[in-house]
């Protein structure tokens, strides 16, 4: 059994800037001034890992859940309708399935968000396994989400699984779970950052990976 585990935000969906804006606005609502670029560099982590970068431990303990809930509602109300798939996502998934690989999703988002994103991407019929923050105690760069995916991919050896992600946090989390990562540049992180985090190959976006599939690690994973 061979499998591919996909991150979603910034990997399959053009949503990183939108998430960053929602966080900046949510922090501002609670009296915390942040820089968009600084927040954007943290997208890919879940709120449990992102908030401590900008808030004290005491503030996270006191207000973290409230801030996260506000941010989540704000994103759904103001930004979710602007989220769009990157080019080539469904054709890539179809090609992967035709090659005999199992497909899993592993996102730091909540289960309801993952389900909605699956609808936006029109890939529900091609996905075998999906995990979200609801399946993990800690978000990326901790390996919990990938470990949860591995449990659902029962029978797939780790050396036969490739993670596809757009952030260093994906690669770091995957490595802790004993998995290799292919990086995509469409999420906006520099290639150097992805390589230093351990990505074994780099592509522009899902369409570029599809076009060069035969030479990619997915072809012999």
Foldseek 3Di string as FASTA:
>chain_A
DFAEEEEPDLAFKPCLLLLLVLLQVLCVVVPFHDDSVVSSLVPQFALVPRVVVRDPPVCCVVCVVVSNVSSVVCCVVPPPVVMATDPPPQVLLVVLVVLPYAYEYFYQADPVVVVVSCVRSVCVVSHDYYFYVVQAPGTFLAQRSVVSVPVVVPPHDQASYEYEEAHLRSLNNSVVVVHEYEHECSSPDDPVSNVVSGHPYYAHHSVRCSVCVCVDVSVVD
